Amino acid sequence: MTSRKKTFPCGHRGKGAFCHRCKQEEEIHQKKLKRKSAWNEKIKSSPIDLSHLPKKVAEKTLSIIEMISTGVNYHSLKGKRLVSMRQREVISIPVGWSYRLICFEKDGALNVVEVLSHEDYNNKLSSGGWK
């Protein structure tokens, strides 16, 4: 005996007890939601606000923060002190081409303050920097 196709409540047609197409789409949707919620938790657990950054920049920033916390020297991350701006305690570490991670050095330890776009970084430097 051949079974006939039927129309499911979702509008799709097929043979079986439920719509396999809708089930597959729902599974894909659930995976995306799970990845997104994991990413949001990772962003919320970071020591600074990274919600305004693109995902790749935020990932790189998190890896740099992790390296700093494990004791990697900022020179190896291409960081520099703002000596010429008379702010020796401020350290700028590039995050890609367009962003800078700002840290303060206090008692030999680096404290991460913020991540700025290069344009905002330049504007803040010209207006007096971090005090």
N, C-alpha and C. Protein backbone atom coordinates (compact mmCIF):
# COMPACT_ATOMS: atom_id res chain seq x y z
N MET A 1 0.82 -1.18 0.00
CA MET A 1 0.00 0.00 0.00
C MET A 1 0.86 1.24 0.00
N THR A 2 0.51 2.18 -0.78
CA THR A 2 1.22 3.45 -0.80
C THR A 2 0.49 4.43 0.10
N SER A 3 1.28 5.18 0.85
CA SER A 3 0.66 6.18 1.71
C SER A 3 0.58 7.49 0.94
N ARG A 4 -0.38 8.24 1.27
CA ARG A 4 -0.57 9.51 0.59
C ARG A 4 0.06 10.65 1.37
N LYS A 5 0.45 11.65 0.62
CA LYS A 5 0.97 12.85 1.27
C LYS A 5 -0.19 13.60 1.90
N LYS A 6 0.13 14.21 3.02
CA LYS A 6 -0.88 15.02 3.68
C LYS A 6 -0.33 16.42 3.91
N THR A 7 -1.19 17.33 4.17
CA THR A 7 -0.79 18.71 4.45
C THR A 7 -0.77 18.89 5.96
N PHE A 8 0.38 19.34 6.46
CA PHE A 8 0.55 19.57 7.89
C PHE A 8 -0.02 20.94 8.25
N PRO A 9 -0.24 21.22 9.55
CA PRO A 9 -0.78 22.53 9.96
C PRO A 9 0.08 23.71 9.53
N CYS A 10 1.40 23.46 9.32
CA CYS A 10 2.28 24.56 8.92
C CYS A 10 2.13 24.90 7.43
N GLY A 11 1.46 24.02 6.68
CA GLY A 11 1.27 24.29 5.25
C GLY A 11 2.15 23.43 4.36
N HIS A 12 3.15 22.77 4.93
CA HIS A 12 4.01 21.90 4.15
C HIS A 12 3.30 20.57 3.90
N ARG A 13 3.75 19.88 2.87
CA ARG A 13 3.16 18.59 2.55
C ARG A 13 4.20 17.50 2.72
N GLY A 14 3.76 16.33 3.15
CA GLY A 14 4.69 15.21 3.30
C GLY A 14 4.01 14.00 3.87
N LYS A 15 4.83 12.96 4.06
CA LYS A 15 4.36 11.71 4.64
C LYS A 15 4.95 11.60 6.04
N GLY A 16 4.17 11.24 7.01
CA GLY A 16 4.70 11.07 8.36
C GLY A 16 3.80 11.70 9.40
N ALA A 17 4.27 11.59 10.63
CA ALA A 17 3.46 12.08 11.74
C ALA A 17 3.64 13.57 11.98
N PHE A 18 4.77 14.14 11.54
CA PHE A 18 5.03 15.56 11.76
C PHE A 18 5.84 16.10 10.57
N CYS A 19 5.96 17.40 10.52
CA CYS A 19 6.69 18.06 9.43
C CYS A 19 8.18 18.07 9.74
N HIS A 20 8.94 17.27 9.02
CA HIS A 20 10.37 17.18 9.25
C HIS A 20 11.10 18.46 8.86
N ARG A 21 10.58 19.16 7.89
CA ARG A 21 11.19 20.42 7.45
C ARG A 21 11.12 21.46 8.56
N CYS A 22 9.97 21.60 9.16
CA CYS A 22 9.82 22.57 10.25
C CYS A 22 10.65 22.16 11.46
N LYS A 23 10.75 20.86 11.73
CA LYS A 23 11.56 20.39 12.85
C LYS A 23 13.03 20.74 12.63
N GLN A 24 13.52 20.54 11.39
CA GLN A 24 14.92 20.86 11.08
C GLN A 24 15.17 22.36 11.22
N GLU A 25 14.26 23.17 10.72
CA GLU A 25 14.41 24.62 10.84
C GLU A 25 14.42 25.05 12.31
N GLU A 26 13.59 24.42 13.12
CA GLU A 26 13.54 24.74 14.55
C GLU A 26 14.85 24.36 15.25
N GLU A 27 15.44 23.22 14.87
CA GLU A 27 16.72 22.81 15.45
C GLU A 27 17.82 23.80 15.10
N ILE A 28 17.85 24.26 13.85
CA ILE A 28 18.83 25.26 13.41
C ILE A 28 18.63 26.55 14.19
N HIS A 29 17.41 26.96 14.36
CA HIS A 29 17.09 28.18 15.11
C HIS A 29 17.55 28.06 16.56
N GLN A 30 17.32 26.91 17.19
CA GLN A 30 17.74 26.70 18.57
C GLN A 30 19.26 26.75 18.72
N LYS A 31 20.00 26.19 17.74
CA LYS A 31 21.46 26.24 17.76
C LYS A 31 21.96 27.67 17.68
N LYS A 32 21.33 28.46 16.81
CA LYS A 32 21.72 29.87 16.68
C LYS A 32 21.46 30.62 17.98
N LEU A 33 20.31 30.38 18.59
CA LEU A 33 19.99 31.04 19.86
C LEU A 33 20.98 30.65 20.95
N LYS A 34 21.38 29.38 20.97
CA LYS A 34 22.32 28.91 21.97
C LYS A 34 23.68 29.59 21.80
N ARG A 35 24.16 29.68 20.52
CA ARG A 35 25.43 30.35 20.27
C ARG A 35 25.37 31.82 20.64
N LYS A 36 24.25 32.47 20.31
CA LYS A 36 24.10 33.89 20.60
C LYS A 36 24.05 34.14 22.10
N SER A 37 23.36 33.30 22.85
CA SER A 37 23.29 33.50 24.29
C SER A 37 24.65 33.23 24.94
N ALA A 38 25.41 32.25 24.40
CA ALA A 38 26.76 32.00 24.93
C ALA A 38 27.65 33.21 24.68
N TRP A 39 27.54 33.81 23.49
CA TRP A 39 28.33 35.00 23.18
C TRP A 39 27.95 36.17 24.08
N ASN A 40 26.64 36.36 24.29
CA ASN A 40 26.19 37.45 25.16
C ASN A 40 26.70 37.27 26.59
N GLU A 41 26.72 36.04 27.08
CA GLU A 41 27.26 35.77 28.42
C GLU A 41 28.75 36.08 28.47
N LYS A 42 29.46 35.74 27.41
CA LYS A 42 30.90 36.01 27.36
C LYS A 42 31.16 37.52 27.37
N ILE A 43 30.36 38.27 26.63
CA ILE A 43 30.50 39.72 26.59
C ILE A 43 30.17 40.34 27.96
N LYS A 44 29.10 39.85 28.60
CA LYS A 44 28.71 40.38 29.90
C LYS A 44 29.75 40.10 30.98
N SER A 45 30.46 38.98 30.84
CA SER A 45 31.44 38.62 31.86
C SER A 45 32.79 39.32 31.68
N SER A 46 32.94 40.08 30.61
CA SER A 46 34.20 40.78 30.37
C SER A 46 34.34 41.96 31.35
N PRO A 47 35.57 42.34 31.67
CA PRO A 47 35.77 43.42 32.65
C PRO A 47 35.36 44.81 32.14
N ILE A 48 35.23 44.97 30.83
CA ILE A 48 34.81 46.26 30.26
C ILE A 48 33.66 46.02 29.29
N ASP A 49 33.00 47.10 28.90
CA ASP A 49 31.87 47.00 27.99
C ASP A 49 32.38 46.76 26.57
N LEU A 50 31.96 45.64 25.96
CA LEU A 50 32.36 45.31 24.60
C LEU A 50 31.15 45.23 23.67
N SER A 51 29.99 45.63 24.14
CA SER A 51 28.76 45.46 23.36
C SER A 51 28.73 46.34 22.11
N HIS A 52 29.49 47.43 22.09
CA HIS A 52 29.47 48.34 20.95
C HIS A 52 30.45 47.92 19.85
N LEU A 53 31.20 46.84 20.08
CA LEU A 53 32.24 46.43 19.13
C LEU A 53 31.74 45.35 18.19
N PRO A 54 32.31 45.28 16.99
CA PRO A 54 32.04 44.14 16.11
C PRO A 54 32.55 42.85 16.76
N LYS A 55 32.00 41.73 16.38
CA LYS A 55 32.30 40.46 17.04
C LYS A 55 33.79 40.12 16.96
N LYS A 56 34.41 40.27 15.80
CA LYS A 56 35.82 39.91 15.65
C LYS A 56 36.70 40.79 16.53
N VAL A 57 36.39 42.06 16.62
CA VAL A 57 37.17 42.98 17.46
C VAL A 57 36.97 42.63 18.93
N ALA A 58 35.74 42.30 19.31
CA ALA A 58 35.47 41.92 20.70
C ALA A 58 36.22 40.64 21.07
N GLU A 59 36.26 39.68 20.14
CA GLU A 59 37.00 38.44 20.40
C GLU A 59 38.48 38.71 20.58
N LYS A 60 39.03 39.56 19.71
CA LYS A 60 40.45 39.88 19.82
C LYS A 60 40.73 40.65 21.11
N THR A 61 39.84 41.53 21.48
CA THR A 61 40.00 42.29 22.72
C THR A 61 39.99 41.34 23.93
N LEU A 62 39.07 40.38 23.93
CA LEU A 62 39.01 39.42 25.02
C LEU A 62 40.29 38.59 25.10
N SER A 63 40.85 38.23 23.93
CA SER A 63 42.09 37.45 23.96
C SER A 63 43.26 38.30 24.48
N ILE A 64 43.29 39.58 24.12
CA ILE A 64 44.34 40.47 24.62
C ILE A 64 44.20 40.67 26.13
N ILE A 65 42.98 40.84 26.61
CA ILE A 65 42.75 40.99 28.05
C ILE A 65 43.20 39.73 28.78
N GLU A 66 42.92 38.58 28.21
CA GLU A 66 43.34 37.32 28.83
C GLU A 66 44.87 37.22 28.87
N MET A 67 45.53 37.64 27.77
CA MET A 67 46.99 37.61 27.74
C MET A 67 47.57 38.54 28.81
N ILE A 68 46.98 39.72 28.93
CA ILE A 68 47.45 40.69 29.93
C ILE A 68 47.30 40.11 31.34
N SER A 69 46.18 39.44 31.59
CA SER A 69 45.95 38.88 32.92
C SER A 69 46.88 37.72 33.23
N THR A 70 47.39 37.03 32.19
CA THR A 70 48.35 35.94 32.43
C THR A 70 49.77 36.45 32.56
N GLY A 71 49.99 37.74 32.34
CA GLY A 71 51.30 38.32 32.57
C GLY A 71 52.12 38.59 31.33
N VAL A 72 51.52 38.55 30.15
CA VAL A 72 52.25 38.88 28.92
C VAL A 72 52.57 40.37 28.93
N ASN A 73 53.77 40.72 28.54
CA ASN A 73 54.20 42.11 28.51
C ASN A 73 53.47 42.85 27.39
N TYR A 74 53.08 44.08 27.67
CA TYR A 74 52.34 44.85 26.67
C TYR A 74 53.19 45.18 25.44
N HIS A 75 54.52 45.15 25.57
CA HIS A 75 55.38 45.39 24.40
C HIS A 75 55.20 44.30 23.35
N SER A 76 55.00 43.07 23.79
CA SER A 76 54.80 41.98 22.85
C SER A 76 53.44 42.08 22.14
N LEU A 77 52.53 42.88 22.68
CA LEU A 77 51.23 43.12 22.06
C LEU A 77 51.22 44.42 21.26
N LYS A 78 52.40 44.98 21.04
CA LYS A 78 52.59 46.25 20.31
C LYS A 78 51.98 47.43 21.04
N GLY A 79 51.95 47.35 22.37
CA GLY A 79 51.44 48.43 23.17
C GLY A 79 52.50 49.49 23.39
N LYS A 80 52.05 50.70 23.69
CA LYS A 80 53.00 51.79 23.94
C LYS A 80 52.45 52.70 25.03
N ARG A 81 53.37 53.32 25.73
CA ARG A 81 53.01 54.32 26.73
C ARG A 81 52.79 55.65 26.04
N LEU A 82 51.96 56.48 26.62
CA LEU A 82 51.69 57.81 26.06
C LEU A 82 52.61 58.83 26.73
N VAL A 83 53.91 58.61 26.58
CA VAL A 83 54.91 59.47 27.21
C VAL A 83 54.88 60.86 26.60
N SER A 84 54.77 60.93 25.28
CA SER A 84 54.79 62.23 24.61
C SER A 84 53.57 63.07 24.98
N MET A 85 52.51 62.45 25.45
CA MET A 85 51.32 63.18 25.87
C MET A 85 51.34 63.48 27.37
N ARG A 86 52.49 63.19 28.02
CA ARG A 86 52.68 63.39 29.46
C ARG A 86 51.69 62.55 30.29
N GLN A 87 51.40 61.38 29.77
CA GLN A 87 50.54 60.45 30.49
C GLN A 87 51.21 59.08 30.51
N ARG A 88 52.28 59.01 31.22
CA ARG A 88 53.11 57.81 31.23
C ARG A 88 52.38 56.57 31.75
N GLU A 89 51.43 56.76 32.62
CA GLU A 89 50.73 55.62 33.20
C GLU A 89 49.69 55.01 32.25
N VAL A 90 49.37 55.71 31.16
CA VAL A 90 48.39 55.22 30.18
C VAL A 90 49.12 54.41 29.11
N ILE A 91 48.59 53.22 28.82
CA ILE A 91 49.18 52.35 27.80
C ILE A 91 48.11 52.06 26.75
N SER A 92 48.47 52.23 25.49
CA SER A 92 47.58 52.00 24.37
C SER A 92 48.02 50.75 23.63
N ILE A 93 47.11 49.78 23.47
CA ILE A 93 47.40 48.54 22.76
C ILE A 93 46.47 48.47 21.55
N PRO A 94 47.04 48.34 20.34
CA PRO A 94 46.18 48.27 19.16
C PRO A 94 45.40 46.95 19.10
N VAL A 95 44.13 47.07 18.74
CA VAL A 95 43.27 45.90 18.52
C VAL A 95 42.83 45.99 17.07
N GLY A 96 43.55 45.35 16.19
CA GLY A 96 43.27 45.47 14.77
C GLY A 96 43.71 46.84 14.26
N TRP A 97 43.16 47.23 13.13
CA TRP A 97 43.54 48.51 12.52
C TRP A 97 42.80 49.69 13.14
N SER A 98 41.58 49.48 13.58
CA SER A 98 40.72 50.61 13.90
C SER A 98 40.39 50.79 15.37
N TYR A 99 40.92 49.97 16.25
CA TYR A 99 40.54 50.06 17.66
C TYR A 99 41.78 50.04 18.55
N ARG A 100 41.66 50.66 19.74
CA ARG A 100 42.74 50.71 20.71
C ARG A 100 42.20 50.31 22.08
N LEU A 101 42.96 49.49 22.77
CA LEU A 101 42.65 49.09 24.13
C LEU A 101 43.46 49.98 25.07
N ILE A 102 42.81 50.67 25.97
CA ILE A 102 43.46 51.59 26.89
C ILE A 102 43.59 50.93 28.26
N CYS A 103 44.81 50.96 28.79
CA CYS A 103 45.10 50.38 30.10
C CYS A 103 45.83 51.41 30.94
N PHE A 104 45.65 51.33 32.25
CA PHE A 104 46.41 52.12 33.20
C PHE A 104 47.35 51.19 33.93
N GLU A 105 48.57 51.65 34.14
CA GLU A 105 49.50 50.88 34.95
C GLU A 105 49.54 51.48 36.34
N LYS A 106 49.27 50.64 37.32
CA LYS A 106 49.32 51.10 38.70
C LYS A 106 49.99 50.01 39.53
N ASP A 107 51.07 50.36 40.17
CA ASP A 107 51.85 49.43 40.99
C ASP A 107 52.30 48.21 40.20
N GLY A 108 52.67 48.41 38.95
CA GLY A 108 53.18 47.32 38.12
C GLY A 108 52.11 46.44 37.49
N ALA A 109 50.85 46.68 37.78
CA ALA A 109 49.76 45.88 37.21
C ALA A 109 48.98 46.72 36.19
N LEU A 110 48.56 46.07 35.10
CA LEU A 110 47.77 46.76 34.09
C LEU A 110 46.29 46.60 34.39
N ASN A 111 45.58 47.70 34.40
CA ASN A 111 44.13 47.70 34.57
C ASN A 111 43.49 48.16 33.27
N VAL A 112 42.67 47.31 32.68
CA VAL A 112 42.01 47.62 31.42
C VAL A 112 40.89 48.62 31.69
N VAL A 113 40.85 49.69 30.89
CA VAL A 113 39.87 50.75 31.11
C VAL A 113 38.78 50.73 30.06
N GLU A 114 39.17 50.78 28.77
CA GLU A 114 38.17 50.86 27.71
C GLU A 114 38.76 50.49 26.37
N VAL A 115 37.87 50.26 25.40
CA VAL A 115 38.26 50.04 24.01
C VAL A 115 37.60 51.14 23.20
N LEU A 116 38.43 51.82 22.41
CA LEU A 116 37.94 52.94 21.60
C LEU A 116 38.25 52.70 20.13
N SER A 117 37.42 53.28 19.27
CA SER A 117 37.79 53.30 17.87
C SER A 117 38.98 54.23 17.72
N HIS A 118 39.72 54.09 16.65
CA HIS A 118 40.91 54.92 16.48
C HIS A 118 40.54 56.40 16.40
N GLU A 119 39.42 56.69 15.80
CA GLU A 119 38.96 58.08 15.71
C GLU A 119 38.66 58.66 17.09
N ASP A 120 37.92 57.91 17.91
CA ASP A 120 37.63 58.37 19.28
C ASP A 120 38.90 58.49 20.11
N TYR A 121 39.83 57.57 19.88
CA TYR A 121 41.13 57.59 20.56
C TYR A 121 41.87 58.88 20.23
N ASN A 122 41.92 59.25 18.96
CA ASN A 122 42.60 60.48 18.54
C ASN A 122 41.91 61.71 19.13
N ASN A 123 40.58 61.72 19.12
CA ASN A 123 39.84 62.85 19.67
C ASN A 123 40.09 62.99 21.18
N LYS A 124 40.15 61.87 21.87
CA LYS A 124 40.39 61.93 23.31
C LYS A 124 41.81 62.41 23.61
N LEU A 125 42.77 61.98 22.79
CA LEU A 125 44.16 62.44 22.96
C LEU A 125 44.26 63.95 22.74
N SER A 126 43.59 64.44 21.71
CA SER A 126 43.69 65.87 21.41
C SER A 126 42.97 66.73 22.44
N SER A 127 42.02 66.14 23.16
CA SER A 127 41.29 66.92 24.16
C SER A 127 41.90 66.80 25.55
N GLY A 128 43.05 66.16 25.66
CA GLY A 128 43.71 66.13 26.96
C GLY A 128 43.97 64.74 27.48
N GLY A 129 43.38 63.74 26.89
CA GLY A 129 43.65 62.36 27.28
C GLY A 129 42.93 61.91 28.52
N TRP A 130 43.51 60.96 29.22
CA TRP A 130 42.92 60.34 30.40
C TRP A 130 43.56 60.93 31.64
N LYS A 131 42.75 61.37 32.55
CA LYS A 131 43.26 61.95 33.79
C LYS A 131 42.57 61.36 34.97
